[in-house]
Amino acid sequence: MSKKILVLTASPRNNGNTFKLADAFIKGAEAAGNEVTRFDTAFMNIGGCNACDTCWSKGPACSVADDFAKLEPALESCDVLLISTPLYWFNFPQQIKGAIDRLYAYGGAGGPRPLTIKESYLFVCGGDTDEEEYQPILTVYRNIASYLGWTDKGIIQTGGLNADGDVERSGLLEKAEEMGKNV
């Protein structure tokens, strides 16, 4: 059965390692007959949550007018979410953190238009090879998935990828493509 997939990338490096992981996943997902929508959050204007508690008061999930409004239709109609991100200071980089924080509007009761996401994936890579460095982002991701009722379907987490192209020698592109085929 075909699924609608939303891919959010976070890297400010066009065609960097996390972009390539996302591309491989998309290739597999589309080959399997799924519909994929991609947003590169690093090139969008999405601020963080302002804690104004005016969610849904102006119609959209968030009352702050910026590019998050472009994400809302995809968030509200996709079955699967992939977040593909570099590791910055043990966590998500600012380039995607605003979009993640704005999911607040969908928490709890979920608002008048709840998220349709049922499954999620996380791809995270960076230069650090110490497993401990990745624990905070993995914990945050798992907490978000649990809170919003998503089933985690897979994580690719790896270090030692500093330069553009390092992922091409890692064998992870094939793993990401296979994960996409098996959504």
N, C-alpha and C. Protein backbone atom coordinates (compact mmCIF):
# COMPACT_ATOMS: atom_id res chain seq x y z
N MET A 1 0.84 -1.18 0.00
CA MET A 1 0.00 0.00 0.00
C MET A 1 0.89 1.24 0.00
N SER A 2 0.60 2.16 -0.88
CA SER A 2 1.38 3.38 -1.00
C SER A 2 1.18 4.29 0.21
N LYS A 3 2.27 4.93 0.63
CA LYS A 3 2.21 5.85 1.76
C LYS A 3 2.69 7.23 1.32
N LYS A 4 2.22 8.23 2.06
CA LYS A 4 2.69 9.60 1.86
C LYS A 4 3.78 9.86 2.89
N ILE A 5 4.93 10.28 2.38
CA ILE A 5 6.11 10.45 3.23
C ILE A 5 6.57 11.89 3.18
N LEU A 6 6.85 12.44 4.35
CA LEU A 6 7.43 13.77 4.47
C LEU A 6 8.86 13.63 4.94
N VAL A 7 9.79 14.24 4.20
CA VAL A 7 11.21 14.23 4.55
C VAL A 7 11.62 15.64 4.93
N LEU A 8 12.12 15.79 6.15
CA LEU A 8 12.66 17.07 6.61
C LEU A 8 14.17 16.94 6.74
N THR A 9 14.90 17.79 6.03
CA THR A 9 16.34 17.81 6.19
C THR A 9 16.73 19.06 6.97
N ALA A 10 17.91 19.01 7.57
CA ALA A 10 18.33 20.11 8.44
C ALA A 10 19.66 20.73 8.07
N SER A 11 20.40 20.09 7.20
CA SER A 11 21.75 20.56 6.94
C SER A 11 21.79 21.83 6.09
N PRO A 12 22.63 22.78 6.47
CA PRO A 12 22.82 23.96 5.63
C PRO A 12 23.79 23.69 4.47
N ARG A 13 24.32 22.47 4.41
CA ARG A 13 25.23 22.10 3.32
C ARG A 13 24.45 21.37 2.23
N ASN A 14 24.19 22.06 1.12
CA ASN A 14 23.55 21.42 -0.01
C ASN A 14 24.36 20.20 -0.42
N ASN A 15 23.68 19.09 -0.58
CA ASN A 15 24.32 17.87 -1.03
C ASN A 15 25.35 17.32 -0.05
N GLY A 16 25.19 17.66 1.22
CA GLY A 16 26.06 17.11 2.26
C GLY A 16 25.65 15.68 2.60
N ASN A 17 26.24 15.14 3.64
CA ASN A 17 26.01 13.74 4.00
C ASN A 17 24.56 13.44 4.36
N THR A 18 23.92 14.30 5.15
CA THR A 18 22.53 14.01 5.52
C THR A 18 21.59 14.23 4.33
N PHE A 19 21.93 15.14 3.42
CA PHE A 19 21.16 15.29 2.18
C PHE A 19 21.21 13.99 1.38
N LYS A 20 22.41 13.42 1.29
CA LYS A 20 22.58 12.20 0.50
C LYS A 20 21.85 11.02 1.15
N LEU A 21 21.85 10.96 2.46
CA LEU A 21 21.08 9.91 3.14
C LEU A 21 19.59 10.07 2.83
N ALA A 22 19.10 11.30 2.92
CA ALA A 22 17.69 11.56 2.61
C ALA A 22 17.38 11.20 1.16
N ASP A 23 18.27 11.57 0.24
CA ASP A 23 18.07 11.26 -1.18
C ASP A 23 17.98 9.76 -1.40
N ALA A 24 18.84 9.00 -0.72
CA ALA A 24 18.82 7.54 -0.87
C ALA A 24 17.51 6.95 -0.36
N PHE A 25 17.04 7.44 0.78
CA PHE A 25 15.76 6.99 1.34
C PHE A 25 14.62 7.31 0.37
N ILE A 26 14.63 8.53 -0.16
CA ILE A 26 13.60 8.96 -1.11
C ILE A 26 13.62 8.07 -2.35
N LYS A 27 14.81 7.78 -2.85
CA LYS A 27 14.94 6.92 -4.03
C LYS A 27 14.27 5.56 -3.77
N GLY A 28 14.54 4.97 -2.63
CA GLY A 28 13.94 3.68 -2.29
C GLY A 28 12.44 3.78 -2.11
N ALA A 29 12.00 4.83 -1.41
CA ALA A 29 10.56 5.00 -1.14
C ALA A 29 9.78 5.21 -2.43
N GLU A 30 10.31 6.03 -3.33
CA GLU A 30 9.62 6.27 -4.60
C GLU A 30 9.63 5.02 -5.49
N ALA A 31 10.73 4.27 -5.46
CA ALA A 31 10.80 3.03 -6.24
C ALA A 31 9.75 2.03 -5.76
N ALA A 32 9.40 2.10 -4.49
CA ALA A 32 8.39 1.21 -3.92
C ALA A 32 6.97 1.74 -4.12
N GLY A 33 6.83 2.88 -4.82
CA GLY A 33 5.51 3.41 -5.15
C GLY A 33 4.93 4.40 -4.16
N ASN A 34 5.75 4.92 -3.27
CA ASN A 34 5.29 5.89 -2.28
C ASN A 34 5.41 7.31 -2.82
N GLU A 35 4.61 8.21 -2.25
CA GLU A 35 4.65 9.63 -2.61
C GLU A 35 5.50 10.36 -1.56
N VAL A 36 6.50 11.10 -2.01
CA VAL A 36 7.43 11.76 -1.10
C VAL A 36 7.40 13.27 -1.31
N THR A 37 7.31 14.00 -0.20
CA THR A 37 7.45 15.45 -0.19
C THR A 37 8.66 15.78 0.67
N ARG A 38 9.50 16.66 0.18
CA ARG A 38 10.74 17.01 0.89
C ARG A 38 10.78 18.50 1.18
N PHE A 39 11.19 18.83 2.40
CA PHE A 39 11.44 20.21 2.79
C PHE A 39 12.84 20.29 3.38
N ASP A 40 13.64 21.20 2.85
CA ASP A 40 14.99 21.45 3.37
C ASP A 40 14.89 22.65 4.31
N THR A 41 14.72 22.38 5.58
CA THR A 41 14.41 23.43 6.55
C THR A 41 15.51 24.47 6.70
N ALA A 42 16.73 24.11 6.38
CA ALA A 42 17.84 25.08 6.49
C ALA A 42 17.67 26.24 5.52
N PHE A 43 16.85 26.05 4.50
CA PHE A 43 16.66 27.09 3.49
C PHE A 43 15.26 27.69 3.56
N MET A 44 14.63 27.50 4.71
CA MET A 44 13.30 28.05 4.95
C MET A 44 13.38 29.03 6.12
N ASN A 45 12.38 29.86 6.23
CA ASN A 45 12.30 30.81 7.34
C ASN A 45 11.28 30.29 8.35
N ILE A 46 11.77 29.49 9.30
CA ILE A 46 10.90 28.92 10.33
C ILE A 46 11.50 29.25 11.69
N GLY A 47 10.83 30.11 12.40
CA GLY A 47 11.28 30.45 13.75
C GLY A 47 10.80 29.43 14.75
N GLY A 48 11.31 29.50 15.95
CA GLY A 48 10.91 28.59 17.01
C GLY A 48 9.56 28.96 17.60
N CYS A 49 9.10 28.14 18.49
CA CYS A 49 7.86 28.40 19.20
C CYS A 49 8.06 29.59 20.12
N ASN A 50 7.11 30.52 20.11
CA ASN A 50 7.19 31.72 20.94
C ASN A 50 6.49 31.56 22.28
N ALA A 51 5.94 30.38 22.54
CA ALA A 51 5.19 30.10 23.78
C ALA A 51 4.05 31.09 23.99
N CYS A 52 3.43 31.53 22.89
CA CYS A 52 2.32 32.50 22.98
C CYS A 52 0.99 31.81 23.28
N ASP A 53 0.96 30.50 23.14
CA ASP A 53 -0.25 29.70 23.37
C ASP A 53 -1.45 30.21 22.58
N THR A 54 -1.20 30.67 21.35
CA THR A 54 -2.29 31.08 20.46
C THR A 54 -2.42 30.11 19.29
N CYS A 55 -1.98 28.87 19.49
CA CYS A 55 -2.09 27.85 18.45
C CYS A 55 -3.54 27.78 17.97
N TRP A 56 -3.72 27.69 16.68
CA TRP A 56 -5.00 27.52 16.02
C TRP A 56 -5.92 28.74 16.10
N SER A 57 -5.51 29.80 16.78
CA SER A 57 -6.40 30.96 16.97
C SER A 57 -6.64 31.75 15.69
N LYS A 58 -5.75 31.61 14.70
CA LYS A 58 -5.90 32.33 13.44
C LYS A 58 -6.17 31.39 12.27
N GLY A 59 -6.47 30.14 12.58
CA GLY A 59 -6.73 29.15 11.53
C GLY A 59 -5.65 28.10 11.42
N PRO A 60 -4.41 28.51 11.09
CA PRO A 60 -3.35 27.51 11.01
C PRO A 60 -2.90 27.04 12.40
N ALA A 61 -2.12 25.97 12.41
CA ALA A 61 -1.64 25.42 13.68
C ALA A 61 -0.89 26.48 14.49
N CYS A 62 -0.02 27.22 13.82
CA CYS A 62 0.76 28.25 14.50
C CYS A 62 0.30 29.63 14.03
N SER A 63 0.13 30.53 14.97
CA SER A 63 -0.33 31.88 14.63
C SER A 63 0.78 32.77 14.10
N VAL A 64 2.03 32.35 14.20
CA VAL A 64 3.16 33.12 13.68
C VAL A 64 3.27 32.85 12.18
N ALA A 65 3.29 33.90 11.40
CA ALA A 65 3.34 33.77 9.94
C ALA A 65 4.78 33.63 9.46
N ASP A 66 5.14 32.45 9.01
CA ASP A 66 6.43 32.20 8.37
C ASP A 66 6.31 30.92 7.55
N ASP A 67 7.42 30.33 7.17
CA ASP A 67 7.39 29.17 6.28
C ASP A 67 6.85 27.89 6.92
N PHE A 68 6.61 27.90 8.22
CA PHE A 68 6.00 26.72 8.83
C PHE A 68 4.64 26.44 8.20
N ALA A 69 3.96 27.49 7.75
CA ALA A 69 2.67 27.33 7.08
C ALA A 69 2.78 26.43 5.85
N LYS A 70 3.95 26.43 5.19
CA LYS A 70 4.15 25.56 4.03
C LYS A 70 4.25 24.10 4.45
N LEU A 71 4.73 23.85 5.67
CA LEU A 71 4.86 22.48 6.17
C LEU A 71 3.54 21.89 6.65
N GLU A 72 2.66 22.73 7.16
CA GLU A 72 1.43 22.24 7.78
C GLU A 72 0.65 21.26 6.92
N PRO A 73 0.37 21.56 5.65
CA PRO A 73 -0.41 20.61 4.86
C PRO A 73 0.28 19.24 4.75
N ALA A 74 1.59 19.24 4.61
CA ALA A 74 2.31 17.96 4.52
C ALA A 74 2.30 17.23 5.86
N LEU A 75 2.48 17.96 6.96
CA LEU A 75 2.45 17.35 8.29
C LEU A 75 1.08 16.74 8.58
N GLU A 76 0.04 17.38 8.07
CA GLU A 76 -1.32 16.95 8.36
C GLU A 76 -1.85 15.90 7.39
N SER A 77 -1.03 15.51 6.41
CA SER A 77 -1.52 14.53 5.44
C SER A 77 -0.55 13.38 5.20
N CYS A 78 0.61 13.38 5.83
CA CYS A 78 1.57 12.31 5.58
C CYS A 78 1.39 11.17 6.58
N ASP A 79 1.82 10.01 6.16
CA ASP A 79 1.78 8.81 7.00
C ASP A 79 3.10 8.60 7.73
N VAL A 80 4.18 9.05 7.09
CA VAL A 80 5.53 8.76 7.57
C VAL A 80 6.35 10.04 7.55
N LEU A 81 7.19 10.21 8.57
CA LEU A 81 8.11 11.35 8.64
C LEU A 81 9.53 10.85 8.78
N LEU A 82 10.42 11.37 7.94
CA LEU A 82 11.86 11.15 8.09
C LEU A 82 12.49 12.48 8.43
N ILE A 83 13.27 12.51 9.49
CA ILE A 83 14.11 13.66 9.82
C ILE A 83 15.54 13.24 9.55
N SER A 84 16.21 13.95 8.65
CA SER A 84 17.60 13.68 8.30
C SER A 84 18.42 14.90 8.68
N THR A 85 19.31 14.74 9.65
CA THR A 85 19.96 15.89 10.26
C THR A 85 21.40 15.62 10.66
N PRO A 86 22.21 16.65 10.59
CA PRO A 86 23.53 16.53 11.22
C PRO A 86 23.38 16.71 12.74
N LEU A 87 24.36 16.24 13.45
CA LEU A 87 24.40 16.44 14.90
C LEU A 87 25.13 17.74 15.19
N TYR A 88 24.48 18.65 15.91
CA TYR A 88 25.10 19.91 16.32
C TYR A 88 25.01 20.00 17.83
N TRP A 89 26.10 20.05 18.48
CA TRP A 89 26.12 20.21 19.94
C TRP A 89 25.17 19.25 20.63
N PHE A 90 25.27 17.98 20.28
CA PHE A 90 24.53 16.90 20.92
C PHE A 90 23.05 16.85 20.54
N ASN A 91 22.58 17.69 19.63
CA ASN A 91 21.14 17.76 19.39
C ASN A 91 20.83 18.20 17.97
N PHE A 92 19.56 18.52 17.74
CA PHE A 92 19.13 19.03 16.44
C PHE A 92 19.70 20.42 16.21
N PRO A 93 20.11 20.73 14.99
CA PRO A 93 20.59 22.08 14.70
C PRO A 93 19.43 23.08 14.62
N GLN A 94 19.75 24.33 14.77
CA GLN A 94 18.77 25.41 14.71
C GLN A 94 17.97 25.35 13.42
N GLN A 95 18.58 24.90 12.35
CA GLN A 95 17.92 24.91 11.05
C GLN A 95 16.66 24.06 11.00
N ILE A 96 16.49 23.13 11.92
CA ILE A 96 15.27 22.32 11.95
C ILE A 96 14.55 22.44 13.30
N LYS A 97 15.24 22.96 14.29
CA LYS A 97 14.68 23.03 15.64
C LYS A 97 13.38 23.83 15.68
N GLY A 98 13.29 24.90 14.92
CA GLY A 98 12.07 25.70 14.89
C GLY A 98 10.88 24.88 14.42
N ALA A 99 11.07 24.11 13.36
CA ALA A 99 9.98 23.28 12.84
C ALA A 99 9.57 22.23 13.86
N ILE A 100 10.55 21.64 14.52
CA ILE A 100 10.25 20.63 15.54
C ILE A 100 9.50 21.26 16.71
N ASP A 101 9.97 22.41 17.17
CA ASP A 101 9.31 23.08 18.29
C ASP A 101 7.86 23.45 17.97
N ARG A 102 7.61 23.79 16.72
CA ARG A 102 6.26 24.21 16.33
C ARG A 102 5.28 23.04 16.29
N LEU A 103 5.77 21.81 16.37
CA LEU A 103 4.88 20.66 16.49
C LEU A 103 4.10 20.71 17.81
N TYR A 104 4.51 21.60 18.69
CA TYR A 104 3.82 21.82 19.96
C TYR A 104 2.32 22.00 19.75
N ALA A 105 1.95 22.68 18.68
CA ALA A 105 0.53 22.94 18.40
C ALA A 105 -0.25 21.65 18.21
N TYR A 106 0.43 20.59 17.82
CA TYR A 106 -0.24 19.32 17.56
C TYR A 106 -0.19 18.38 18.76
N GLY A 107 0.45 18.78 19.82
CA GLY A 107 0.59 17.93 20.99
C GLY A 107 -0.72 17.83 21.77
N GLY A 108 -0.70 17.00 22.78
CA GLY A 108 -1.88 16.86 23.62
C GLY A 108 -3.10 16.45 22.82
N ALA A 109 -4.13 17.28 22.83
CA ALA A 109 -5.37 16.99 22.12
C ALA A 109 -5.17 17.06 20.61
N GLY A 110 -4.13 17.71 20.16
CA GLY A 110 -3.80 17.72 18.74
C GLY A 110 -4.41 18.81 17.90
N GLY A 111 -5.28 19.60 18.44
CA GLY A 111 -5.87 20.68 17.67
C GLY A 111 -6.94 20.19 16.71
N PRO A 112 -7.54 21.10 15.96
CA PRO A 112 -8.64 20.73 15.06
C PRO A 112 -8.20 19.91 13.85
N ARG A 113 -6.92 19.99 13.48
CA ARG A 113 -6.40 19.20 12.36
C ARG A 113 -5.18 18.44 12.88
N PRO A 114 -5.37 17.26 13.40
CA PRO A 114 -4.25 16.52 13.99
C PRO A 114 -3.27 16.01 12.94
N LEU A 115 -2.09 15.69 13.39
CA LEU A 115 -1.10 15.07 12.52
C LEU A 115 -1.58 13.68 12.14
N THR A 116 -1.27 13.29 10.92
CA THR A 116 -1.62 11.94 10.45
C THR A 116 -0.41 11.01 10.49
N ILE A 117 0.71 11.51 10.93
CA ILE A 117 1.95 10.73 10.98
C ILE A 117 1.77 9.55 11.93
N LYS A 118 2.09 8.37 11.43
CA LYS A 118 2.02 7.16 12.24
C LYS A 118 3.39 6.55 12.48
N GLU A 119 4.31 6.80 11.54
CA GLU A 119 5.64 6.19 11.61
C GLU A 119 6.70 7.26 11.38
N SER A 120 7.86 7.06 12.00
CA SER A 120 8.94 8.03 11.83
C SER A 120 10.30 7.34 11.77
N TYR A 121 11.23 8.07 11.15
CA TYR A 121 12.62 7.64 11.02
C TYR A 121 13.50 8.83 11.39
N LEU A 122 14.69 8.52 11.87
CA LEU A 122 15.69 9.55 12.13
C LEU A 122 17.01 9.12 11.53
N PHE A 123 17.60 10.00 10.72
CA PHE A 123 18.96 9.82 10.23
C PHE A 123 19.78 10.95 10.83
N VAL A 124 20.82 10.62 11.57
CA VAL A 124 21.67 11.64 12.18
C VAL A 124 23.12 11.22 12.02
N CYS A 125 23.92 12.15 11.54
CA CYS A 125 25.34 11.85 11.40
C CYS A 125 26.15 13.09 11.71
N GLY A 126 27.38 12.85 12.03
CA GLY A 126 28.28 13.94 12.35
C GLY A 126 29.72 13.49 12.35
N GLY A 127 30.58 14.37 12.75
CA GLY A 127 31.99 14.07 12.80
C GLY A 127 32.39 13.28 14.03
N ASP A 128 31.69 13.49 15.13
CA ASP A 128 32.03 12.81 16.38
C ASP A 128 31.77 11.32 16.26
N THR A 129 32.69 10.51 16.81
CA THR A 129 32.53 9.07 16.78
C THR A 129 32.14 8.49 18.13
N ASP A 130 32.13 9.29 19.16
CA ASP A 130 31.76 8.84 20.50
C ASP A 130 30.24 8.64 20.57
N GLU A 131 29.82 7.41 20.82
CA GLU A 131 28.38 7.09 20.89
C GLU A 131 27.64 7.98 21.88
N GLU A 132 28.29 8.33 22.95
CA GLU A 132 27.67 9.16 24.00
C GLU A 132 27.22 10.51 23.46
N GLU A 133 27.93 11.03 22.47
CA GLU A 133 27.60 12.34 21.88
C GLU A 133 26.21 12.35 21.23
N TYR A 134 25.74 11.18 20.79
CA TYR A 134 24.47 11.09 20.07
C TYR A 134 23.27 10.80 20.98
N GLN A 135 23.52 10.46 22.22
CA GLN A 135 22.43 10.08 23.11
C GLN A 135 21.39 11.19 23.31
N PRO A 136 21.79 12.46 23.47
CA PRO A 136 20.76 13.49 23.65
C PRO A 136 19.79 13.61 22.47
N ILE A 137 20.28 13.60 21.23
CA ILE A 137 19.38 13.74 20.08
C ILE A 137 18.49 12.51 19.94
N LEU A 138 19.04 11.34 20.23
CA LEU A 138 18.23 10.13 20.16
C LEU A 138 17.13 10.15 21.21
N THR A 139 17.45 10.64 22.40
CA THR A 139 16.45 10.74 23.46
C THR A 139 15.36 11.73 23.09
N VAL A 140 15.74 12.88 22.56
CA VAL A 140 14.75 13.89 22.15
C VAL A 140 13.85 13.32 21.06
N TYR A 141 14.44 12.71 20.05
CA TYR A 141 13.65 12.12 18.96
C TYR A 141 12.66 11.08 19.51
N ARG A 142 13.14 10.19 20.33
CA ARG A 142 12.27 9.14 20.87
C ARG A 142 11.15 9.72 21.74
N ASN A 143 11.46 10.76 22.49
CA ASN A 143 10.43 11.41 23.30
C ASN A 143 9.37 12.09 22.43
N ILE A 144 9.81 12.76 21.36
CA ILE A 144 8.86 13.39 20.44
C ILE A 144 7.97 12.32 19.80
N ALA A 145 8.58 11.25 19.31
CA ALA A 145 7.81 10.17 18.67
C ALA A 145 6.80 9.58 19.65
N SER A 146 7.22 9.35 20.86
CA SER A 146 6.32 8.79 21.86
C SER A 146 5.18 9.75 22.18
N TYR A 147 5.51 11.02 22.40
CA TYR A 147 4.50 12.01 22.77
C TYR A 147 3.46 12.20 21.68
N LEU A 148 3.91 12.17 20.42
CA LEU A 148 3.00 12.41 19.31
C LEU A 148 2.41 11.11 18.74
N GLY A 149 2.74 9.98 19.36
CA GLY A 149 2.14 8.71 18.97
C GLY A 149 2.70 8.09 17.71
N TRP A 150 3.94 8.40 17.37
CA TRP A 150 4.57 7.82 16.18
C TRP A 150 5.26 6.53 16.56
N THR A 151 5.30 5.60 15.64
CA THR A 151 6.10 4.39 15.81
C THR A 151 7.44 4.61 15.13
N ASP A 152 8.51 4.51 15.89
CA ASP A 152 9.85 4.64 15.33
C ASP A 152 10.13 3.41 14.48
N LYS A 153 10.41 3.64 13.19
CA LYS A 153 10.65 2.54 12.27
C LYS A 153 12.13 2.34 11.95
N GLY A 154 12.98 3.26 12.41
CA GLY A 154 14.39 3.05 12.17
C GLY A 154 15.22 4.30 12.36
N ILE A 155 16.43 4.07 12.80
CA ILE A 155 17.40 5.15 13.02
C ILE A 155 18.70 4.76 12.34
N ILE A 156 19.25 5.71 11.60
CA ILE A 156 20.63 5.61 11.15
C ILE A 156 21.38 6.67 11.92
N GLN A 157 22.32 6.24 12.74
CA GLN A 157 23.12 7.16 13.55
C GLN A 157 24.57 6.77 13.38
N THR A 158 25.37 7.73 12.92
CA THR A 158 26.76 7.40 12.69
C THR A 158 27.66 8.61 12.84
N GLY A 159 28.86 8.38 13.27
CA GLY A 159 29.86 9.43 13.37
C GLY A 159 30.96 9.22 12.35
N GLY A 160 31.94 10.08 12.40
CA GLY A 160 33.08 9.97 11.50
C GLY A 160 32.82 10.51 10.11
N LEU A 161 31.73 11.24 9.94
CA LEU A 161 31.40 11.80 8.62
C LEU A 161 31.58 13.31 8.68
N ASN A 162 32.79 13.75 8.40
CA ASN A 162 33.09 15.18 8.46
C ASN A 162 32.93 15.89 7.12
N ALA A 163 33.52 15.34 6.11
CA ALA A 163 33.55 16.00 4.80
C ALA A 163 32.40 15.55 3.93
N ASP A 164 31.97 16.44 3.01
CA ASP A 164 30.99 16.06 2.02
C ASP A 164 31.49 14.81 1.31
N GLY A 165 30.63 13.84 1.16
CA GLY A 165 31.00 12.62 0.46
C GLY A 165 31.45 11.48 1.36
N ASP A 166 31.73 11.75 2.62
CA ASP A 166 32.14 10.67 3.53
C ASP A 166 31.09 9.57 3.59
N VAL A 167 29.82 9.95 3.51
CA VAL A 167 28.74 8.97 3.60
C VAL A 167 28.77 8.00 2.42
N GLU A 168 29.31 8.42 1.31
CA GLU A 168 29.36 7.55 0.13
C GLU A 168 30.28 6.36 0.33
N ARG A 169 31.20 6.46 1.25
CA ARG A 169 32.13 5.37 1.53
C ARG A 169 31.73 4.56 2.78
N SER A 170 30.58 4.88 3.33
CA SER A 170 30.17 4.27 4.60
C SER A 170 29.27 3.06 4.46
N GLY A 171 28.65 2.87 3.30
CA GLY A 171 27.67 1.80 3.12
C GLY A 171 26.27 2.18 3.61
N LEU A 172 26.14 3.38 4.16
CA LEU A 172 24.85 3.79 4.71
C LEU A 172 23.84 4.24 3.66
N LEU A 173 24.30 4.66 2.50
CA LEU A 173 23.36 5.05 1.46
C LEU A 173 22.51 3.86 1.03
N GLU A 174 23.13 2.69 0.94
CA GLU A 174 22.41 1.48 0.58
C GLU A 174 21.41 1.13 1.70
N LYS A 175 21.80 1.29 2.93
CA LYS A 175 20.90 1.01 4.06
C LYS A 175 19.71 1.97 4.04
N ALA A 176 19.97 3.26 3.79
CA ALA A 176 18.90 4.25 3.73
C ALA A 176 17.94 3.95 2.59
N GLU A 177 18.48 3.59 1.43
CA GLU A 177 17.62 3.25 0.28
C GLU A 177 16.75 2.04 0.61
N GLU A 178 17.33 1.05 1.25
CA GLU A 178 16.57 -0.14 1.62
C GLU A 178 15.47 0.19 2.62
N MET A 179 15.77 1.07 3.56
CA MET A 179 14.75 1.51 4.51
C MET A 179 13.60 2.19 3.77
N GLY A 180 13.92 3.01 2.78
CA GLY A 180 12.89 3.68 1.98
C GLY A 180 12.03 2.68 1.22
N LYS A 181 12.64 1.65 0.68
CA LYS A 181 11.90 0.61 -0.06
C LYS A 181 10.94 -0.13 0.86
N ASN A 182 11.29 -0.24 2.12
CA ASN A 182 10.50 -1.03 3.06
C ASN A 182 9.57 -0.21 3.95
N VAL A 183 9.33 1.03 3.57
CA VAL A 183 8.43 1.87 4.38
C VAL A 183 7.09 1.18 4.53
